[in-house]
Each structure stands twice: as C-alpha cells, then as structure tokens.
C-alpha cells in the first residue's frame, strides 16, 4: 500500500521551505491512516523538494489507529477478489461465445448435409 496520495488544494499554507505551493496529501501509514497534511509539491524529488509537513487534520484517535489498517487491508483484499471475479467472468463469456459459434456451425453442417 502506498504511503501517500494527493488531493486538491484547500486553504493551503502559502509556501513550503523551497518556495513551492504545498499540496494537500493523505497519509496512509499505520500511525496516521487517512489523516490529511500539507506537504511540498516536489516531495518525490529529493534534490528539489523540501521536507515541509503541516497537519491539516487533528491526530487520529487510538481506536481508529487500531481499526483502520485492518479495514483498509480488507478493502484491498475485496477489491482484488472483485477484479479476479471480473476476469473469470470475461473468460467464461468468451468460452460461451466460442461454444455458441461451434454449436451453430455444427447444426449448419448437419442441415446442409441433408
């Protein structure tokens, strides 16, 4: 699972340490699941970006900190299962179409032999 995901700018601090406009991000770490923070827009570029970090949301309570990682893992597992079922469904549809074509050709062959 990735550590951060980007979000839109809403009431951002003016500038970060490197003079860029910070962007609102969401932390997905076990300690701060779903907690938003302002960070340097160039944080992925170690040479240009700075370590600017300012929390937007209040700290996550202990119970949420314990529950959210398990829920996020469950969601990820269910999404994976759903994707697998979708692939299996498409494969079955392809096989059914191929079987239908074979049956039609077989009956066409039987009818044309008479």
PDB file of N, CA and C in Angstrom:
ATOM      1  N   UNK A   1       0.850  -1.160   0.000  1.00  0.00           N
ATOM      2  CA  UNK A   1       0.000   0.000   0.000  1.00  0.00           C
ATOM      3  C   UNK A   1       0.901   1.229   0.000  1.00  0.00           C
ATOM      4  N   UNK A   2       0.562   2.219  -0.811  1.00  0.00           N
ATOM      5  CA  UNK A   2       1.396   3.417  -0.868  1.00  0.00           C
ATOM      6  C   UNK A   2       1.224   4.251   0.395  1.00  0.00           C
ATOM      7  N   UNK A   3       2.238   5.061   0.697  1.00  0.00           N
ATOM      8  CA  UNK A   3       2.206   5.858   1.913  1.00  0.00           C
ATOM      9  C   UNK A   3       1.338   7.087   1.784  1.00  0.00           C
ATOM     10  N   UNK A   4       1.276   7.683   0.605  1.00  0.00           N
ATOM     11  CA  UNK A   4       0.565   8.941   0.443  1.00  0.00           C
ATOM     12  C   UNK A   4      -0.202   8.959  -0.861  1.00  0.00           C
ATOM     13  N   UNK A   5      -1.274   9.768  -0.889  1.00  0.00           N
ATOM     14  CA  UNK A   5      -1.976  10.039  -2.138  1.00  0.00           C
ATOM     15  C   UNK A   5      -2.296  11.520  -2.174  1.00  0.00           C
ATOM     16  N   UNK A   6      -2.328  12.097  -3.360  1.00  0.00           N
ATOM     17  CA  UNK A   6      -2.542  13.537  -3.495  1.00  0.00           C
ATOM     18  C   UNK A   6      -4.013  13.891  -3.391  1.00  0.00           C
ATOM     19  N   UNK A   7      -4.281  15.116  -3.045  1.00  0.00           N
ATOM     20  CA  UNK A   7      -5.642  15.650  -3.007  1.00  0.00           C
ATOM     21  C   UNK A   7      -5.583  17.082  -3.510  1.00  0.00           C
ATOM     22  N   UNK A   8      -6.713  17.757  -3.528  1.00  0.00           N
ATOM     23  CA  UNK A   8      -6.753  19.119  -4.058  1.00  0.00           C
ATOM     24  C   UNK A   8      -6.311  20.140  -3.018  1.00  0.00           C
ATOM     25  N   UNK A   9      -5.940  21.327  -3.488  1.00  0.00           N
ATOM     26  CA  UNK A   9      -5.536  22.410  -2.589  1.00  0.00           C
ATOM     27  C   UNK A   9      -6.764  23.097  -2.004  1.00  0.00           C
ATOM     28  N   UNK A  10      -6.849  23.173  -0.684  1.00  0.00           N
ATOM     29  CA  UNK A  10      -7.910  23.888   0.008  1.00  0.00           C
ATOM     30  C   UNK A  10      -7.271  24.595   1.196  1.00  0.00           C
ATOM     31  N   UNK A  11      -7.267  25.939   1.209  1.00  0.00           N
ATOM     32  CA  UNK A  11      -6.687  26.741   2.289  1.00  0.00           C
ATOM     33  C   UNK A  11      -5.269  26.292   2.633  1.00  0.00           C
ATOM     34  N   UNK A  12      -4.430  26.231   1.640  1.00  0.00           N
ATOM     35  CA  UNK A  12      -3.066  25.767   1.869  1.00  0.00           C
ATOM     36  C   UNK A  12      -2.203  26.856   2.482  1.00  0.00           C
ATOM     37  N   UNK A  13      -1.142  26.448   3.197  1.00  0.00           N
ATOM     38  CA  UNK A  13      -0.148  27.433   3.605  1.00  0.00           C
ATOM     39  C   UNK A  13       0.439  28.044   2.330  1.00  0.00           C
ATOM     40  N   UNK A  14       0.905  29.286   2.399  1.00  0.00           N
ATOM     41  CA  UNK A  14       1.370  29.972   1.192  1.00  0.00           C
ATOM     42  C   UNK A  14       2.530  29.265   0.505  1.00  0.00           C
ATOM     43  N   UNK A  15       3.592  28.988   1.239  1.00  0.00           N
ATOM     44  CA  UNK A  15       4.778  28.391   0.627  1.00  0.00           C
ATOM     45  C   UNK A  15       5.406  27.379   1.573  1.00  0.00           C
ATOM     46  N   UNK A  16       6.104  26.415   0.983  1.00  0.00           N
ATOM     47  CA  UNK A  16       6.869  25.475   1.799  1.00  0.00           C
ATOM     48  C   UNK A  16       8.317  25.967   1.856  1.00  0.00           C
ATOM     49  N   UNK A  17       9.215  25.167   2.389  1.00  0.00           N
ATOM     50  CA  UNK A  17      10.600  25.570   2.569  1.00  0.00           C
ATOM     51  C   UNK A  17      11.358  25.858   1.292  1.00  0.00           C
ATOM     52  N   UNK A  18      10.935  25.277   0.171  1.00  0.00           N
ATOM     53  CA  UNK A  18      11.655  25.503  -1.087  1.00  0.00           C
ATOM     54  C   UNK A  18      10.945  26.527  -1.967  1.00  0.00           C
ATOM     55  N   UNK A  19       9.938  27.215  -1.427  1.00  0.00           N
ATOM     56  CA  UNK A  19       9.257  28.276  -2.159  1.00  0.00           C
ATOM     57  C   UNK A  19       8.116  27.810  -3.045  1.00  0.00           C
ATOM     58  N   UNK A  20       7.782  26.534  -3.012  1.00  0.00           N
ATOM     59  CA  UNK A  20       6.684  25.989  -3.817  1.00  0.00           C
ATOM     60  C   UNK A  20       5.382  26.080  -3.015  1.00  0.00           C
ATOM     61  N   UNK A  21       4.257  26.000  -3.722  1.00  0.00           N
ATOM     62  CA  UNK A  21       2.959  25.940  -3.041  1.00  0.00           C
ATOM     63  C   UNK A  21       2.745  24.510  -2.561  1.00  0.00           C
ATOM     64  N   UNK A  22       2.520  24.299  -1.278  1.00  0.00           N
ATOM     65  CA  UNK A  22       2.295  22.942  -0.786  1.00  0.00           C
ATOM     66  C   UNK A  22       0.961  22.388  -1.283  1.00  0.00           C
ATOM     67  N   UNK A  23       0.854  21.070  -1.302  1.00  0.00           N
ATOM     68  CA  UNK A  23      -0.375  20.402  -1.728  1.00  0.00           C
ATOM     69  C   UNK A  23      -0.906  19.555  -0.574  1.00  0.00           C
ATOM     70  N   UNK A  24      -2.211  19.367  -0.563  1.00  0.00           N
ATOM     71  CA  UNK A  24      -2.850  18.565   0.472  1.00  0.00           C
ATOM     72  C   UNK A  24      -2.719  17.094   0.094  1.00  0.00           C
ATOM     73  N   UNK A  25      -2.204  16.297   1.004  1.00  0.00           N
ATOM     74  CA  UNK A  25      -1.998  14.870   0.773  1.00  0.00           C
ATOM     75  C   UNK A  25      -2.687  14.097   1.892  1.00  0.00           C
ATOM     76  N   UNK A  26      -2.813  12.801   1.689  1.00  0.00           N
ATOM     77  CA  UNK A  26      -3.405  11.940   2.708  1.00  0.00           C
ATOM     78  C   UNK A  26      -2.399  10.883   3.115  1.00  0.00           C
ATOM     79  N   UNK A  27      -2.168  10.774   4.401  1.00  0.00           N
ATOM     80  CA  UNK A  27      -1.259   9.765   4.935  1.00  0.00           C
ATOM     81  C   UNK A  27      -2.000   8.437   5.038  1.00  0.00           C
ATOM     82  N   UNK A  28      -1.361   7.366   4.594  1.00  0.00           N
ATOM     83  CA  UNK A  28      -1.940   6.035   4.750  1.00  0.00           C
ATOM     84  C   UNK A  28      -1.027   5.151   5.585  1.00  0.00           C
ATOM     85  N   UNK A  29      -0.229   5.760   6.452  1.00  0.00           N
ATOM     86  CA  UNK A  29       0.620   4.985   7.349  1.00  0.00           C
ATOM     87  C   UNK A  29      -0.239   4.399   8.465  1.00  0.00           C
ATOM     88  N   UNK A  30       0.274   3.388   9.159  1.00  0.00           N
ATOM     89  CA  UNK A  30      -0.476   2.786  10.265  1.00  0.00           C
ATOM     90  C   UNK A  30      -0.687   3.769  11.415  1.00  0.00           C
ATOM     91  N   UNK A  31       0.235   4.696  11.608  1.00  0.00           N
ATOM     92  CA  UNK A  31       0.113   5.664  12.704  1.00  0.00           C
ATOM     93  C   UNK A  31      -0.887   6.785  12.396  1.00  0.00           C
ATOM     94  N   UNK A  32      -1.072   7.129  11.121  1.00  0.00           N
ATOM     95  CA  UNK A  32      -1.958   8.245  10.741  1.00  0.00           C
ATOM     96  C   UNK A  32      -2.822   7.876   9.532  1.00  0.00           C
ATOM     97  N   UNK A  33      -3.602   6.801   9.609  1.00  0.00           N
ATOM     98  CA  UNK A  33      -4.385   6.390   8.446  1.00  0.00           C
ATOM     99  C   UNK A  33      -5.475   7.398   8.098  1.00  0.00           C
ATOM    100  N   UNK A  34      -5.456   7.879   6.875  1.00  0.00           N
ATOM    101  CA  UNK A  34      -6.481   8.805   6.395  1.00  0.00           C
ATOM    102  C   UNK A  34      -6.298  10.240   6.852  1.00  0.00           C
ATOM    103  N   UNK A  35      -5.235  10.533   7.562  1.00  0.00           N
ATOM    104  CA  UNK A  35      -5.017  11.892   8.087  1.00  0.00           C
ATOM    105  C   UNK A  35      -4.377  12.760   7.006  1.00  0.00           C
ATOM    106  N   UNK A  36      -4.989  13.927   6.764  1.00  0.00           N
ATOM    107  CA  UNK A  36      -4.500  14.821   5.710  1.00  0.00           C
ATOM    108  C   UNK A  36      -3.428  15.765   6.245  1.00  0.00           C
ATOM    109  N   UNK A  37      -2.507  16.100   5.350  1.00  0.00           N
ATOM    110  CA  UNK A  37      -1.445  17.029   5.721  1.00  0.00           C
ATOM    111  C   UNK A  37      -1.009  17.819   4.496  1.00  0.00           C
ATOM    112  N   UNK A  38      -0.405  18.972   4.745  1.00  0.00           N
ATOM    113  CA  UNK A  38       0.170  19.782   3.678  1.00  0.00           C
ATOM    114  C   UNK A  38       1.624  19.383   3.532  1.00  0.00           C
ATOM    115  N   UNK A  39       2.045  19.167   2.290  1.00  0.00           N
ATOM    116  CA  UNK A  39       3.431  18.788   2.033  1.00  0.00           C
ATOM    117  C   UNK A  39       3.950  19.459   0.783  1.00  0.00           C
ATOM    118  N   UNK A  40       5.266  19.500   0.650  1.00  0.00           N
ATOM    119  CA  UNK A  40       5.917  20.090  -0.519  1.00  0.00           C
ATOM    120  C   UNK A  40       5.430  19.383  -1.783  1.00  0.00           C
ATOM    121  N   UNK A  41       5.115  20.152  -2.825  1.00  0.00           N
ATOM    122  CA  UNK A  41       4.644  19.555  -4.082  1.00  0.00           C
ATOM    123  C   UNK A  41       5.754  18.790  -4.789  1.00  0.00           C
ATOM    124  N   UNK A  42       7.001  19.005  -4.387  1.00  0.00           N
ATOM    125  CA  UNK A  42       8.138  18.324  -5.010  1.00  0.00           C
ATOM    126  C   UNK A  42       8.727  17.265  -4.071  1.00  0.00           C
ATOM    127  N   UNK A  43       7.914  16.714  -3.169  1.00  0.00           N
ATOM    128  CA  UNK A  43       8.459  15.799  -2.156  1.00  0.00           C
ATOM    129  C   UNK A  43       9.074  14.543  -2.758  1.00  0.00           C
ATOM    130  N   UNK A  44       8.651  14.135  -3.939  1.00  0.00           N
ATOM    131  CA  UNK A  44       9.214  12.941  -4.574  1.00  0.00           C
ATOM    132  C   UNK A  44      10.600  13.211  -5.156  1.00  0.00           C
ATOM    133  N   UNK A  45      10.918  14.466  -5.420  1.00  0.00           N
ATOM    134  CA  UNK A  45      12.207  14.832  -5.996  1.00  0.00           C
ATOM    135  C   UNK A  45      13.117  15.291  -4.859  1.00  0.00           C
ATOM    136  N   UNK A  46      13.965  14.418  -4.386  1.00  0.00           N
ATOM    137  CA  UNK A  46      14.817  14.699  -3.220  1.00  0.00           C
ATOM    138  C   UNK A  46      15.763  15.880  -3.454  1.00  0.00           C
ATOM    139  N   UNK A  47      16.173  16.112  -4.704  1.00  0.00           N
ATOM    140  CA  UNK A  47      17.121  17.196  -4.985  1.00  0.00           C
ATOM    141  C   UNK A  47      16.450  18.563  -4.933  1.00  0.00           C
ATOM    142  N   UNK A  48      15.177  18.636  -5.325  1.00  0.00           N
ATOM    143  CA  UNK A  48      14.482  19.925  -5.391  1.00  0.00           C
ATOM    144  C   UNK A  48      13.570  20.131  -4.188  1.00  0.00           C
ATOM    145  N   UNK A  49      12.835  19.101  -3.807  1.00  0.00           N
ATOM    146  CA  UNK A  49      11.825  19.227  -2.758  1.00  0.00           C
ATOM    147  C   UNK A  49      12.406  19.390  -1.369  1.00  0.00           C
ATOM    148  N   UNK A  50      11.558  19.844  -0.460  1.00  0.00           N
ATOM    149  CA  UNK A  50      11.961  20.011   0.940  1.00  0.00           C
ATOM    150  C   UNK A  50      11.138  19.049   1.795  1.00  0.00           C
ATOM    151  N   UNK A  51      11.307  19.102   3.067  1.00  0.00           N
ATOM    152  CA  UNK A  51      10.581  18.220   3.984  1.00  0.00           C
ATOM    153  C   UNK A  51       9.413  18.925   4.658  1.00  0.00           C
ATOM    154  N   UNK A  52       8.836  19.925   3.984  1.00  0.00           N
ATOM    155  CA  UNK A  52       7.722  20.666   4.578  1.00  0.00           C
ATOM    156  C   UNK A  52       6.578  19.714   4.897  1.00  0.00           C
ATOM    157  N   UNK A  53       6.031  19.838   6.100  1.00  0.00           N
ATOM    158  CA  UNK A  53       4.952  18.969   6.558  1.00  0.00           C
ATOM    159  C   UNK A  53       4.134  19.726   7.597  1.00  0.00           C
ATOM    160  N   UNK A  54       2.834  19.866   7.350  1.00  0.00           N
ATOM    161  CA  UNK A  54       1.943  20.522   8.311  1.00  0.00           C
ATOM    162  C   UNK A  54       0.620  19.772   8.299  1.00  0.00           C
ATOM    163  N   UNK A  55       0.203  19.265   9.442  1.00  0.00           N
ATOM    164  CA  UNK A  55      -1.037  18.507   9.519  1.00  0.00           C
ATOM    165  C   UNK A  55      -2.239  19.406   9.272  1.00  0.00           C
ATOM    166  N   UNK A  56      -3.184  18.924   8.484  1.00  0.00           N
ATOM    167  CA  UNK A  56      -4.461  19.592   8.248  1.00  0.00           C
ATOM    168  C   UNK A  56      -5.499  19.075   9.241  1.00  0.00           C
ATOM    169  N   UNK A  57      -5.489  17.777   9.483  1.00  0.00           N
ATOM    170  CA  UNK A  57      -6.475  17.134  10.350  1.00  0.00           C
ATOM    171  C   UNK A  57      -5.908  16.925  11.756  1.00  0.00           C
ATOM    172  N   UNK A  58      -6.794  16.806  12.751  1.00  0.00           N
ATOM    173  CA  UNK A  58      -6.329  16.503  14.113  1.00  0.00           C
ATOM    174  C   UNK A  58      -5.772  15.076  14.166  1.00  0.00           C
ATOM    175  N   UNK A  59      -5.030  14.742  15.212  1.00  0.00           N
ATOM    176  CA  UNK A  59      -4.475  13.384  15.334  1.00  0.00           C
ATOM    177  C   UNK A  59      -5.576  12.326  15.322  1.00  0.00           C
ATOM    178  N   UNK A  60      -5.239  11.166  14.797  1.00  0.00           N
ATOM    179  CA  UNK A  60      -6.168  10.039  14.747  1.00  0.00           C
ATOM    180  C   UNK A  60      -6.229   9.423  16.143  1.00  0.00           C
ATOM    181  N   UNK A  61      -7.443   9.131  16.627  1.00  0.00           N
ATOM    182  CA  UNK A  61      -7.580   8.539  17.961  1.00  0.00           C
ATOM    183  C   UNK A  61      -7.049   7.102  17.951  1.00  0.00           C
ATOM    184  N   UNK A  62      -6.710   6.603  19.114  1.00  0.00           N
ATOM    185  CA  UNK A  62      -6.114   5.272  19.235  1.00  0.00           C
ATOM    186  C   UNK A  62      -6.975   4.166  18.662  1.00  0.00           C
ATOM    187  N   UNK A  63      -8.274   4.221  18.912  1.00  0.00           N
ATOM    188  CA  UNK A  63      -9.164   3.170  18.398  1.00  0.00           C
ATOM    189  C   UNK A  63      -9.173   3.159  16.878  1.00  0.00           C
ATOM    190  N   UNK A  64      -9.268   4.336  16.270  1.00  0.00           N
ATOM    191  CA  UNK A  64      -9.244   4.416  14.803  1.00  0.00           C
ATOM    192  C   UNK A  64      -7.908   3.923  14.267  1.00  0.00           C
ATOM    193  N   UNK A  65      -6.831   4.271  14.956  1.00  0.00           N
ATOM    194  CA  UNK A  65      -5.497   3.851  14.529  1.00  0.00           C
ATOM    195  C   UNK A  65      -5.390   2.328  14.529  1.00  0.00           C
ATOM    196  N   UNK A  66      -6.093   1.673  15.468  1.00  0.00           N
ATOM    197  CA  UNK A  66      -6.072   0.209  15.534  1.00  0.00           C
ATOM    198  C   UNK A  66      -6.997  -0.433  14.513  1.00  0.00           C
ATOM    199  N   UNK A  67      -8.134   0.185  14.241  1.00  0.00           N
ATOM    200  CA  UNK A  67      -9.154  -0.414  13.379  1.00  0.00           C
ATOM    201  C   UNK A  67      -8.902  -0.157  11.894  1.00  0.00           C
ATOM    202  N   UNK A  68      -8.527   1.068  11.533  1.00  0.00           N
ATOM    203  CA  UNK A  68      -8.421   1.441  10.120  1.00  0.00           C
ATOM    204  C   UNK A  68      -7.466   0.581   9.295  1.00  0.00           C
ATOM    205  N   UNK A  69      -6.264   0.238   9.763  1.00  0.00           N
ATOM    206  CA  UNK A  69      -5.391  -0.591   8.920  1.00  0.00           C
ATOM    207  C   UNK A  69      -6.033  -1.926   8.530  1.00  0.00           C
ATOM    208  N   UNK A  70      -6.732  -2.560   9.471  1.00  0.00           N
ATOM    209  CA  UNK A  70      -7.417  -3.813   9.157  1.00  0.00           C
ATOM    210  C   UNK A  70      -8.523  -3.619   8.135  1.00  0.00           C
ATOM    211  N   UNK A  71      -9.275  -2.531   8.278  1.00  0.00           N
ATOM    212  CA  UNK A  71     -10.344  -2.246   7.315  1.00  0.00           C
ATOM    213  C   UNK A  71      -9.770  -1.959   5.931  1.00  0.00           C
ATOM    214  N   UNK A  72      -8.677  -1.213   5.878  1.00  0.00           N
ATOM    215  CA  UNK A  72      -8.047  -0.913   4.589  1.00  0.00           C
ATOM    216  C   UNK A  72      -7.531  -2.185   3.923  1.00  0.00           C
ATOM    217  N   UNK A  73      -6.962  -3.098   4.708  1.00  0.00           N
ATOM    218  CA  UNK A  73      -6.493  -4.376   4.153  1.00  0.00           C
ATOM    219  C   UNK A  73      -7.665  -5.198   3.645  1.00  0.00           C
ATOM    220  N   UNK A  74      -8.773  -5.174   4.386  1.00  0.00           N
ATOM    221  CA  UNK A  74      -9.964  -5.910   3.956  1.00  0.00           C
ATOM    222  C   UNK A  74     -10.496  -5.344   2.639  1.00  0.00           C
ATOM    223  N   UNK A  75     -10.546  -4.024   2.527  1.00  0.00           N
ATOM    224  CA  UNK A  75     -10.999  -3.388   1.282  1.00  0.00           C
ATOM    225  C   UNK A  75     -10.093  -3.791   0.131  1.00  0.00           C
ATOM    226  N   UNK A  76      -8.782  -3.748   0.363  1.00  0.00           N
ATOM    227  CA  UNK A  76      -7.826  -4.120  -0.686  1.00  0.00           C
ATOM    228  C   UNK A  76      -8.030  -5.574  -1.120  1.00  0.00           C
ATOM    229  N   UNK A  77      -8.248  -6.481  -0.153  1.00  0.00           N
ATOM    230  CA  UNK A  77      -8.473  -7.892  -0.471  1.00  0.00           C
ATOM    231  C   UNK A  77      -9.764  -8.073  -1.267  1.00  0.00           C
ATOM    232  N   UNK A  78     -10.836  -7.379  -0.860  1.00  0.00           N
ATOM    233  CA  UNK A  78     -12.109  -7.494  -1.564  1.00  0.00           C
ATOM    234  C   UNK A  78     -12.028  -6.927  -2.978  1.00  0.00           C
ATOM    235  N   UNK A  79     -11.285  -5.820  -3.151  1.00  0.00           N
ATOM    236  CA  UNK A  79     -11.106  -5.263  -4.493  1.00  0.00           C
ATOM    237  C   UNK A  79     -10.348  -6.238  -5.381  1.00  0.00           C
ATOM    238  N   UNK A  80      -9.346  -6.904  -4.829  1.00  0.00           N
ATOM    239  CA  UNK A  80      -8.584  -7.899  -5.584  1.00  0.00           C
ATOM    240  C   UNK A  80      -9.479  -9.075  -5.974  1.00  0.00           C
ATOM    241  N   UNK A  81     -10.288  -9.555  -5.036  1.00  0.00           N
ATOM    242  CA  UNK A  81     -11.224 -10.640  -5.334  1.00  0.00           C
ATOM    243  C   UNK A  81     -12.212 -10.226  -6.415  1.00  0.00           C
ATOM    244  N   UNK A  82     -12.690  -8.998  -6.363  1.00  0.00           N
ATOM    245  CA  UNK A  82     -13.633  -8.493  -7.358  1.00  0.00           C
ATOM    246  C   UNK A  82     -12.990  -8.452  -8.746  1.00  0.00           C
ATOM    247  N   UNK A  83     -11.751  -7.993  -8.812  1.00  0.00           N
ATOM    248  CA  UNK A  83     -11.039  -7.973 -10.096  1.00  0.00           C
ATOM    249  C   UNK A  83     -10.877  -9.383 -10.642  1.00  0.00           C
ATOM    250  N   UNK A  84     -10.522 -10.339  -9.777  1.00  0.00           N
ATOM    251  CA  UNK A  84     -10.366 -11.730 -10.213  1.00  0.00           C
ATOM    252  C   UNK A  84     -11.684 -12.299 -10.722  1.00  0.00           C
ATOM    253  N   UNK A  85     -12.771 -12.008 -10.031  1.00  0.00           N
ATOM    254  CA  UNK A  85     -14.082 -12.490 -10.483  1.00  0.00           C
ATOM    255  C   UNK A  85     -14.456 -11.877 -11.827  1.00  0.00           C
ATOM    256  N   UNK A  86     -14.133 -10.593 -12.008  1.00  0.00           N
ATOM    257  CA  UNK A  86     -14.407  -9.937 -13.284  1.00  0.00           C
ATOM    258  C   UNK A  86     -13.639 -10.592 -14.421  1.00  0.00           C
ATOM    259  N   UNK A  87     -12.357 -10.915 -14.172  1.00  0.00           N
ATOM    260  CA  UNK A  87     -11.554 -11.598 -15.198  1.00  0.00           C
ATOM    261  C   UNK A  87     -12.139 -12.966 -15.515  1.00  0.00           C
ATOM    262  N   UNK A  88     -12.525 -13.709 -14.466  1.00  0.00           N
ATOM    263  CA  UNK A  88     -13.117 -15.030 -14.682  1.00  0.00           C
ATOM    264  C   UNK A  88     -14.428 -14.927 -15.455  1.00  0.00           C
ATOM    265  N   UNK A  89     -15.228 -13.918 -15.147  1.00  0.00           N
ATOM    266  CA  UNK A  89     -16.497 -13.725 -15.848  1.00  0.00           C
ATOM    267  C   UNK A  89     -16.259 -13.436 -17.331  1.00  0.00           C
ATOM    268  N   UNK A  90     -15.292 -12.571 -17.638  1.00  0.00           N
ATOM    269  CA  UNK A  90     -14.987 -12.274 -19.046  1.00  0.00           C
ATOM    270  C   UNK A  90     -14.505 -13.531 -19.773  1.00  0.00           C
ATOM    271  N   UNK A  91     -13.671 -14.323 -19.098  1.00  0.00           N
ATOM    272  CA  UNK A  91     -13.169 -15.562 -19.695  1.00  0.00           C
ATOM    273  C   UNK A  91     -14.321 -16.529 -19.976  1.00  0.00           C
ATOM    274  N   UNK A  92     -15.254 -16.651 -19.032  1.00  0.00           N
ATOM    275  CA  UNK A  92     -16.402 -17.543 -19.231  1.00  0.00           C
ATOM    276  C   UNK A  92     -17.280 -17.069 -20.388  1.00  0.00           C
ATOM    277  N   UNK A  93     -17.472 -15.756 -20.517  1.00  0.00           N
ATOM    278  CA  UNK A  93     -18.258 -15.221 -21.630  1.00  0.00           C
ATOM    279  C   UNK A  93     -17.592 -15.541 -22.960  1.00  0.00           C
ATOM    280  N   UNK A  94     -16.269 -15.448 -23.012  1.00  0.00           N
ATOM    281  CA  UNK A  94     -15.552 -15.780 -24.246  1.00  0.00           C
ATOM    282  C   UNK A  94     -15.739 -17.252 -24.596  1.00  0.00           C
ATOM    283  N   UNK A  95     -15.634 -18.118 -23.579  1.00  0.00           N
ATOM    284  CA  UNK A  95     -15.841 -19.539 -23.830  1.00  0.00           C
ATOM    285  C   UNK A  95     -17.273 -19.824 -24.280  1.00  0.00           C
ATOM    286  N   UNK A  96     -18.260 -19.171 -23.683  1.00  0.00           N
ATOM    287  CA  UNK A  96     -19.651 -19.371 -24.087  1.00  0.00           C
ATOM    288  C   UNK A  96     -19.886 -18.916 -25.522  1.00  0.00           C
ATOM    289  N   UNK A  97     -19.289 -17.789 -25.901  1.00  0.00           N
ATOM    290  CA  UNK A  97     -19.422 -17.309 -27.281  1.00  0.00           C
ATOM    291  C   UNK A  97     -18.789 -18.295 -28.253  1.00  0.00           C
ATOM    292  N   UNK A  98     -17.615 -18.795 -27.909  1.00  0.00           N
ATOM    293  CA  UNK A  98     -16.938 -19.766 -28.772  1.00  0.00           C
ATOM    294  C   UNK A  98     -17.772 -21.041 -28.887  1.00  0.00           C
ATOM    295  N   UNK A  99     -18.336 -21.492 -27.779  1.00  0.00           N
ATOM    296  CA  UNK A  99     -19.173 -22.692 -27.790  1.00  0.00           C
ATOM    297  C   UNK A  99     -20.430 -22.470 -28.629  1.00  0.00           C
ATOM    298  N   UNK A 100     -21.033 -21.295 -28.529  1.00  0.00           N
ATOM    299  CA  UNK A 100     -22.224 -20.985 -29.326  1.00  0.00           C
ATOM    300  C   UNK A 100     -21.892 -21.018 -30.812  1.00  0.00           C
ATOM    301  N   UNK A 101     -20.754 -20.480 -31.199  1.00  0.00           N
ATOM    302  CA  UNK A 101     -20.343 -20.500 -32.610  1.00  0.00           C
ATOM    303  C   UNK A 101     -20.146 -21.939 -33.073  1.00  0.00           C
ATOM    304  N   UNK A 102     -19.523 -22.765 -32.252  1.00  0.00           N
ATOM    305  CA  UNK A 102     -19.300 -24.171 -32.614  1.00  0.00           C
ATOM    306  C   UNK A 102     -20.628 -24.897 -32.783  1.00  0.00           C
ATOM    307  N   UNK A 103     -21.575 -24.672 -31.873  1.00  0.00           N
ATOM    308  CA  UNK A 103     -22.889 -25.323 -31.961  1.00  0.00           C
ATOM    309  C   UNK A 103     -23.613 -24.883 -33.227  1.00  0.00           C
ATOM    310  N   UNK A 104     -23.605 -23.588 -33.523  1.00  0.00           N
ATOM    311  CA  UNK A 104     -24.264 -23.082 -34.733  1.00  0.00           C
ATOM    312  C   UNK A 104     -23.623 -23.690 -35.968  1.00  0.00           C
ATOM    313  N   UNK A 105     -22.304 -23.741 -36.026  1.00  0.00           N
ATOM    314  CA  UNK A 105     -21.616 -24.339 -37.178  1.00  0.00           C
ATOM    315  C   UNK A 105     -21.938 -25.826 -37.304  1.00  0.00           C
ATOM    316  N   UNK A 106     -22.016 -26.530 -36.180  1.00  0.00           N
ATOM    317  CA  UNK A 106     -22.346 -27.949 -36.203  1.00  0.00           C
ATOM    318  C   UNK A 106     -23.743 -28.170 -36.784  1.00  0.00           C
ATOM    319  N   UNK A 107     -24.735 -27.398 -36.292  1.00  0.00           N
ATOM    320  CA  UNK A 107     -26.095 -27.549 -36.816  1.00  0.00           C
ATOM    321  C   UNK A 107     -26.176 -27.111 -38.269  1.00  0.00           C
ATOM    322  N   UNK A 108     -25.448 -26.090 -38.633  1.00  0.00           N
ATOM    323  CA  UNK A 108     -25.422 -25.640 -40.033  1.00  0.00           C
ATOM    324  C   UNK A 108     -24.876 -26.756 -40.919  1.00  0.00           C
ATOM    325  N   UNK A 109     -23.834 -27.414 -40.440  1.00  0.00           N
ATOM    326  CA  UNK A 109     -23.233 -28.528 -41.178  1.00  0.00           C
ATOM    327  C   UNK A 109     -24.233 -29.674 -41.306  1.00  0.00           C
ATOM    328  N   UNK A 110     -24.952 -29.989 -40.219  1.00  0.00           N
ATOM    329  CA  UNK A 110     -25.938 -31.075 -40.243  1.00  0.00           C
ATOM    330  C   UNK A 110     -27.080 -30.758 -41.204  1.00  0.00           C
ATOM    331  N   UNK A 111     -27.553 -29.523 -41.201  1.00  0.00           N
ATOM    332  CA  UNK A 111     -28.659 -29.123 -42.071  1.00  0.00           C
ATOM    333  C   UNK A 111     -28.218 -29.141 -43.528  1.00  0.00           C
ATOM    334  N   UNK A 112     -27.034 -28.677 -43.816  1.00  0.00           N
ATOM    335  CA  UNK A 112     -26.573 -28.605 -45.206  1.00  0.00           C
ATOM    336  C   UNK A 112     -26.245 -29.980 -45.774  1.00  0.00           C
ATOM    337  N   UNK A 113     -26.055 -31.011 -44.947  1.00  0.00           N
ATOM    338  CA  UNK A 113     -25.773 -32.366 -45.426  1.00  0.00           C
ATOM    339  C   UNK A 113     -27.031 -33.070 -45.905  1.00  0.00           C
ATOM    340  N   UNK A 114     -28.205 -32.613 -45.514  1.00  0.00           N
ATOM    341  CA  UNK A 114     -29.466 -33.269 -45.886  1.00  0.00           C
ATOM    342  C   UNK A 114     -29.824 -33.031 -47.305  1.00  0.00           C
TER     343      UNK A 114
END
